[in-house]
Amino acid sequence: MVNYNAKPVRYHRTRTREIADFISTKVDNNIDMDVVRSFGEEWNRFHHFSKPTIAKICKEYFDIIDQSIVNKDTYMIDIGCGSGRWSEYFLDKVKFVEAVDPSDAVFAADELLGSTDKARITKASINTLPWPDETFDFGMSVGVLHHIPNTQMALTDCVKKIKKGGYFYVYLYYNLDYRGFLFRSLFFFSDLIRKVVSRMPITLKKVTCDLLAFFVYVPFVWLSRFFSFLGFKKLAAKIPLSAYANKDFYIIRNDSLDRFGTKLEQRFTRQEIETMMTKAGLSNIRFGESSAFWHAVGKKS
């Protein structure tokens, strides 16, 4: 564990640890504080993830991570840790985890990670990461950088914290790269809904996203499961939201709020992501082919 190279603005004392807070009133031109607050509310509502549930989800996201990238000697950072579920997954696979988030999600992560001595939780934005450059063997940002105004700048700032020869992993929303007209049309209408729902008061937003989970997600999930049961697995995989066919309703509710409750969302093609990773200083870039589009890992040159 490397000491901070900056002085915290304040500390938060929980039942299990002291959380250093580096978020100040100084304007950060690459962060939307309304989005940050929204995610803090989301993750303090959805953070009760069991180890089996986390393991099931992570099989899709981290299928391209092996022991040559992450092992017992790895000092890693989870940037935008949210509820802490990704950090929890890596606890027994690495030497130490720095779990970082700019929102009050750090308190949800504190509850999920418990009193482990293999992780430290820090409240900081990408621009205020309190470690020297080239500190970490492995870093990741899972489903975060597409909610930041300048994704390329944020990715570059993240990679600066990785040692030469280390690795950085990122998951970004895909831009429907290979989807047909019908799928894209459905997405267009769902995005119109997001733009309305994301601006609702928080209580109304939560209720609306729960209704969307039940009346939009669930019918597609059941349809995908039905075709899969009949043996038409390729057809089942083409159904919108088929990625949730093996997920429980808690995850669906969580992702409904995540999808429709956020006002700032960007999407990228596979080629755009590879270009951004290369510009950030990564090479040997490898993409996963599971349903979590797009996730990729690269080596810092």
Protein backbone atom coordinates (compact mmCIF):
# COMPACT_ATOMS: atom_id res chain seq x y z
CA MET A 1 0.00 0.00 0.00
CA VAL A 2 1.49 3.32 -1.12
CA ASN A 3 0.93 6.41 1.00
CA TYR A 4 -1.15 9.26 -0.39
CA ASN A 5 0.82 12.02 -2.08
CA ALA A 6 -1.79 14.66 -1.24
CA LYS A 7 -3.59 15.82 1.87
CA PRO A 8 -7.27 14.83 2.21
CA VAL A 9 -9.88 17.56 2.45
CA ARG A 10 -11.61 15.60 5.22
CA TYR A 11 -12.05 12.10 6.65
CA HIS A 12 -15.17 9.97 7.11
CA ARG A 13 -15.18 7.50 9.99
CA THR A 14 -17.28 4.34 9.52
CA ARG A 15 -17.63 1.28 11.72
CA THR A 16 -14.77 -0.45 9.94
CA ARG A 17 -12.37 2.19 8.62
CA GLU A 18 -11.45 5.81 8.02
CA ILE A 19 -12.12 7.01 4.48
CA ALA A 20 -9.98 9.85 3.17
CA ASP A 21 -11.92 12.36 1.07
CA PHE A 22 -10.13 14.34 -1.66
CA ILE A 23 -13.26 15.93 -3.19
CA SER A 24 -13.13 19.72 -2.79
CA THR A 25 -15.29 22.61 -3.92
CA LYS A 26 -12.71 23.38 -6.61
CA VAL A 27 -14.21 23.10 -10.07
CA ASP A 28 -13.22 19.92 -11.94
CA ASN A 29 -13.90 20.44 -15.64
CA ASN A 30 -14.11 16.72 -16.37
CA ILE A 31 -16.75 15.60 -13.91
CA ASP A 32 -20.50 16.15 -13.68
CA MET A 33 -21.41 16.38 -9.99
CA ASP A 34 -25.10 15.72 -10.67
CA VAL A 35 -24.09 12.41 -12.25
CA VAL A 36 -21.80 11.69 -9.29
CA ARG A 37 -24.61 12.30 -6.80
CA SER A 38 -26.95 10.11 -8.83
CA PHE A 39 -24.53 7.19 -8.69
CA GLY A 40 -23.99 7.70 -4.98
CA GLU A 41 -27.74 7.34 -4.48
CA GLU A 42 -27.86 4.30 -6.78
CA TRP A 43 -25.09 2.34 -5.10
CA ASN A 44 -26.32 3.05 -1.61
CA ARG A 45 -29.60 1.49 -2.72
CA PHE A 46 -28.10 -1.51 -4.54
CA HIS A 47 -25.10 -2.94 -2.74
CA HIS A 48 -26.30 -6.24 -1.28
CA PHE A 49 -24.42 -8.57 -3.61
CA SER A 50 -23.56 -12.10 -2.50
CA LYS A 51 -20.23 -13.66 -3.48
CA PRO A 52 -21.91 -16.15 -5.89
CA THR A 53 -23.78 -13.29 -7.59
CA ILE A 54 -20.60 -11.24 -7.94
CA ALA A 55 -18.70 -14.25 -9.31
CA LYS A 56 -21.41 -14.88 -11.93
CA ILE A 57 -21.37 -11.27 -13.14
CA CYS A 58 -17.59 -11.07 -13.18
CA LYS A 59 -17.26 -14.11 -15.44
CA GLU A 60 -18.66 -11.94 -18.24
CA TYR A 61 -16.58 -8.88 -17.50
CA PHE A 62 -13.21 -10.38 -16.61
CA ASP A 63 -12.96 -13.30 -19.03
CA ILE A 64 -9.84 -11.68 -20.52
CA ILE A 65 -8.01 -11.32 -17.19
CA ASP A 66 -5.59 -14.14 -16.36
CA GLN A 67 -2.68 -14.64 -13.95
CA SER A 68 -0.23 -13.00 -16.33
CA ILE A 69 -2.19 -9.78 -15.72
CA VAL A 70 -3.46 -10.20 -12.15
CA ASN A 71 -1.87 -12.36 -9.46
CA LYS A 72 -0.97 -12.42 -5.77
CA ASP A 73 1.76 -9.79 -6.29
CA THR A 74 -0.58 -7.29 -7.98
CA TYR A 75 -1.19 -3.88 -6.46
CA MET A 76 -4.37 -2.69 -8.16
CA ILE A 77 -6.71 0.27 -8.31
CA ASP A 78 -10.46 0.16 -9.02
CA ILE A 79 -11.38 3.61 -10.35
CA GLY A 80 -15.08 4.35 -9.92
CA CYS A 81 -15.57 1.37 -7.62
CA GLY A 82 -19.25 2.07 -6.97
CA SER A 83 -20.64 -0.53 -4.56
CA GLY A 84 -17.25 -2.25 -4.37
CA ARG A 85 -18.40 -5.47 -6.01
CA TRP A 86 -15.53 -5.51 -8.54
CA SER A 87 -13.00 -4.83 -5.80
CA GLU A 88 -14.49 -7.61 -3.71
CA TYR A 89 -14.08 -10.04 -6.62
CA PHE A 90 -10.34 -9.35 -6.81
CA LEU A 91 -9.62 -9.37 -3.05
CA ASP A 92 -8.38 -12.97 -2.96
CA LYS A 93 -6.61 -12.67 -6.32
CA VAL A 94 -4.28 -9.72 -5.67
CA LYS A 95 -1.95 -8.31 -3.05
CA PHE A 96 -3.95 -5.15 -2.34
CA VAL A 97 -6.88 -3.17 -3.80
CA GLU A 98 -7.36 0.60 -3.78
CA ALA A 99 -11.10 1.19 -4.25
CA VAL A 100 -11.82 4.74 -5.36
CA ASP A 101 -15.03 6.64 -6.12
CA PRO A 102 -15.98 10.35 -6.14
CA SER A 103 -19.49 9.71 -4.78
CA ASP A 104 -21.08 8.53 -1.55
CA ALA A 105 -20.93 5.06 -3.08
CA VAL A 106 -17.76 4.71 -0.97
CA PHE A 107 -20.04 4.02 2.02
CA ALA A 108 -21.75 1.19 0.15
CA ALA A 109 -18.32 -0.19 -0.78
CA ASP A 110 -17.30 0.08 2.87
CA GLU A 111 -20.24 -2.08 3.87
CA LEU A 112 -19.66 -4.66 1.13
CA LEU A 113 -15.90 -4.98 1.63
CA GLY A 114 -16.17 -5.07 5.42
CA SER A 115 -13.10 -4.99 7.62
CA THR A 116 -10.67 -6.63 5.19
CA ASP A 117 -7.05 -5.55 5.51
CA LYS A 118 -6.49 -6.07 1.75
CA ALA A 119 -8.38 -2.99 0.58
CA ARG A 120 -8.49 0.73 1.23
CA ILE A 121 -11.39 2.95 0.21
CA THR A 122 -10.78 6.51 -0.96
CA LYS A 123 -13.19 9.23 -2.05
CA ALA A 124 -11.59 10.92 -5.06
CA SER A 125 -12.22 11.81 -8.68
CA ILE A 126 -9.89 10.84 -11.53
CA ASN A 127 -8.38 14.32 -11.43
CA THR A 128 -7.63 14.02 -7.70
CA LEU A 129 -6.28 10.46 -7.48
CA PRO A 130 -3.85 10.83 -4.55
CA TRP A 131 -1.04 8.58 -5.76
CA PRO A 132 2.05 9.25 -7.87
CA ASP A 133 2.02 8.29 -11.53
CA GLU A 134 3.17 4.73 -12.30
CA THR A 135 2.10 3.34 -8.91
CA PHE A 136 -0.11 0.37 -9.81
CA ASP A 137 0.46 -2.98 -11.50
CA PHE A 138 -3.15 -3.18 -12.66
CA GLY A 139 -5.98 -0.71 -12.88
CA MET A 140 -9.55 -0.88 -14.03
CA SER A 141 -12.57 1.30 -14.60
CA VAL A 142 -15.74 -0.69 -15.13
CA GLY A 143 -18.73 1.13 -16.61
CA VAL A 144 -17.56 4.57 -15.47
CA LEU A 145 -15.69 6.52 -18.13
CA HIS A 146 -18.70 6.76 -20.48
CA HIS A 147 -20.36 8.88 -17.76
CA ILE A 148 -17.53 11.45 -17.83
CA PRO A 149 -17.62 14.46 -20.21
CA ASN A 150 -14.22 13.79 -21.80
CA THR A 151 -13.70 10.03 -21.83
CA GLN A 152 -10.35 10.18 -23.63
CA MET A 153 -8.91 12.61 -21.08
CA ALA A 154 -10.18 10.49 -18.19
CA LEU A 155 -8.77 7.28 -19.67
CA THR A 156 -5.37 8.93 -20.20
CA ASP A 157 -5.35 10.19 -16.60
CA CYS A 158 -6.16 6.68 -15.36
CA VAL A 159 -3.38 5.04 -17.38
CA LYS A 160 -0.85 7.53 -15.98
CA LYS A 161 -1.21 5.80 -12.61
CA ILE A 162 -0.18 2.41 -14.06
CA LYS A 163 3.45 1.21 -14.05
CA LYS A 164 5.19 0.60 -17.35
CA GLY A 165 4.53 -3.02 -18.19
CA GLY A 166 1.35 -2.97 -16.11
CA TYR A 167 -2.20 -3.36 -17.41
CA PHE A 168 -5.36 -1.30 -17.55
CA TYR A 169 -8.86 -2.70 -18.09
CA VAL A 170 -11.88 -0.72 -19.20
CA TYR A 171 -15.55 -1.42 -19.90
CA LEU A 172 -17.45 1.13 -21.97
CA TYR A 173 -20.96 1.10 -23.43
CA TYR A 174 -20.92 -0.06 -27.03
CA ASN A 175 -22.41 1.96 -29.85
CA LEU A 176 -24.59 -0.92 -31.11
CA ASP A 177 -21.74 -1.75 -33.50
CA TYR A 178 -23.25 -4.85 -35.06
CA ARG A 179 -26.95 -4.41 -34.28
CA GLY A 180 -29.65 -4.17 -36.94
CA PHE A 181 -32.30 -1.56 -37.64
CA LEU A 182 -34.94 -2.98 -35.26
CA PHE A 183 -32.54 -3.15 -32.32
CA ARG A 184 -31.27 0.36 -33.00
CA SER A 185 -34.84 1.65 -33.21
CA LEU A 186 -35.70 0.13 -29.84
CA PHE A 187 -32.59 1.69 -28.37
CA PHE A 188 -33.52 5.11 -29.81
CA PHE A 189 -36.86 5.04 -27.99
CA SER A 190 -35.32 3.72 -24.78
CA ASP A 191 -32.81 6.56 -24.87
CA LEU A 192 -35.63 9.08 -25.13
CA ILE A 193 -37.08 7.52 -21.98
CA ARG A 194 -33.69 7.79 -20.25
CA LYS A 195 -33.46 11.50 -21.02
CA VAL A 196 -36.82 12.04 -19.28
CA VAL A 197 -36.38 9.64 -16.34
CA SER A 198 -32.86 10.79 -15.49
CA ARG A 199 -34.16 14.29 -14.74
CA MET A 200 -36.87 13.16 -12.34
CA PRO A 201 -36.64 13.70 -8.56
CA ILE A 202 -34.77 10.77 -7.00
CA THR A 203 -37.79 9.05 -5.40
CA LEU A 204 -39.86 9.20 -8.59
CA LYS A 205 -36.82 8.11 -10.60
CA LYS A 206 -36.34 4.99 -8.44
CA VAL A 207 -40.01 4.00 -8.70
CA THR A 208 -40.04 4.58 -12.47
CA CYS A 209 -36.87 2.51 -12.99
CA ASP A 210 -38.36 -0.35 -10.95
CA LEU A 211 -41.46 -0.25 -13.17
CA LEU A 212 -39.26 -0.27 -16.28
CA ALA A 213 -37.37 -3.26 -14.88
CA PHE A 214 -40.60 -5.21 -14.48
CA PHE A 215 -42.53 -4.11 -17.57
CA VAL A 216 -39.66 -3.71 -20.07
CA TYR A 217 -36.72 -5.84 -18.99
CA VAL A 218 -38.59 -8.85 -17.63
CA PRO A 219 -40.75 -9.59 -20.74
CA PHE A 220 -37.64 -9.61 -22.97
CA VAL A 221 -35.78 -11.76 -20.43
CA TRP A 222 -38.61 -14.28 -20.29
CA LEU A 223 -38.80 -14.36 -24.10
CA SER A 224 -35.07 -15.03 -24.33
CA ARG A 225 -35.31 -17.75 -21.70
CA PHE A 226 -38.25 -19.33 -23.55
CA PHE A 227 -36.38 -19.55 -26.87
CA SER A 228 -33.32 -20.88 -25.07
CA PHE A 229 -35.46 -23.54 -23.37
CA LEU A 230 -36.77 -24.62 -26.79
CA GLY A 231 -33.20 -25.00 -28.00
CA PHE A 232 -33.07 -21.87 -30.18
CA LYS A 233 -30.06 -20.40 -28.39
CA LYS A 234 -28.86 -18.25 -31.30
CA LEU A 235 -32.30 -16.69 -31.62
CA ALA A 236 -32.49 -16.22 -27.85
CA ALA A 237 -29.19 -14.34 -27.90
CA LYS A 238 -30.59 -11.86 -30.45
CA ILE A 239 -33.47 -10.82 -28.19
CA PRO A 240 -32.92 -7.34 -26.67
CA LEU A 241 -31.77 -7.57 -23.03
CA SER A 242 -30.97 -11.28 -23.47
CA ALA A 243 -27.80 -10.68 -21.42
CA TYR A 244 -30.09 -10.64 -18.37
CA ALA A 245 -31.51 -14.11 -19.03
CA ASN A 246 -29.24 -15.58 -16.34
CA LYS A 247 -29.58 -12.66 -13.91
CA ASP A 248 -31.91 -12.31 -10.94
CA PHE A 249 -34.43 -9.48 -10.57
CA TYR A 250 -32.23 -7.57 -8.10
CA ILE A 251 -29.56 -7.18 -10.79
CA ILE A 252 -32.20 -6.19 -13.35
CA ARG A 253 -33.58 -3.49 -11.02
CA ASN A 254 -30.07 -2.23 -10.36
CA ASP A 255 -29.21 -2.03 -14.05
CA SER A 256 -32.52 -0.39 -14.90
CA LEU A 257 -31.67 2.46 -12.52
CA ASP A 258 -28.13 2.50 -13.87
CA ARG A 259 -29.35 2.69 -17.47
CA PHE A 260 -32.30 5.07 -17.19
CA GLY A 261 -31.28 7.11 -14.15
CA THR A 262 -28.14 8.71 -15.57
CA LYS A 263 -28.33 11.87 -17.65
CA LEU A 264 -24.79 11.67 -19.07
CA GLU A 265 -24.09 8.64 -21.22
CA GLN A 266 -21.69 8.16 -24.12
CA ARG A 267 -21.26 5.15 -26.41
CA PHE A 268 -18.30 3.99 -28.45
CA THR A 269 -17.53 1.53 -31.19
CA ARG A 270 -14.91 -1.14 -30.67
CA GLN A 271 -12.55 0.74 -33.00
CA GLU A 272 -13.05 4.01 -31.11
CA ILE A 273 -12.24 2.31 -27.81
CA GLU A 274 -9.10 0.73 -29.23
CA THR A 275 -8.01 4.12 -30.58
CA MET A 276 -8.59 5.80 -27.20
CA MET A 277 -6.65 3.09 -25.37
CA THR A 278 -3.76 3.44 -27.80
CA LYS A 279 -3.71 7.23 -27.37
CA ALA A 280 -3.68 6.72 -23.59
CA GLY A 281 -0.45 4.71 -23.89
CA LEU A 282 -1.71 1.12 -24.03
CA SER A 283 -0.70 -1.61 -26.46
CA ASN A 284 -1.38 -5.35 -26.91
CA ILE A 285 -5.06 -4.50 -26.57
CA ARG A 286 -7.40 -7.45 -26.23
CA PHE A 287 -11.20 -7.34 -26.27
CA GLY A 288 -13.58 -9.73 -24.57
CA GLU A 289 -16.29 -11.29 -26.70
CA SER A 290 -18.89 -11.98 -24.00
CA SER A 291 -22.12 -10.00 -23.63
CA ALA A 292 -20.41 -7.14 -21.75
CA PHE A 293 -19.68 -4.92 -24.77
CA TRP A 294 -17.12 -3.48 -24.94
CA HIS A 295 -14.53 -4.57 -22.39
CA ALA A 296 -10.82 -4.60 -23.12
CA VAL A 297 -7.42 -4.73 -21.45
CA GLY A 298 -4.15 -3.23 -22.63
CA LYS A 299 -0.52 -3.18 -21.52
CA LYS A 300 1.18 0.11 -20.73
CA SER A 301 4.07 0.63 -23.09
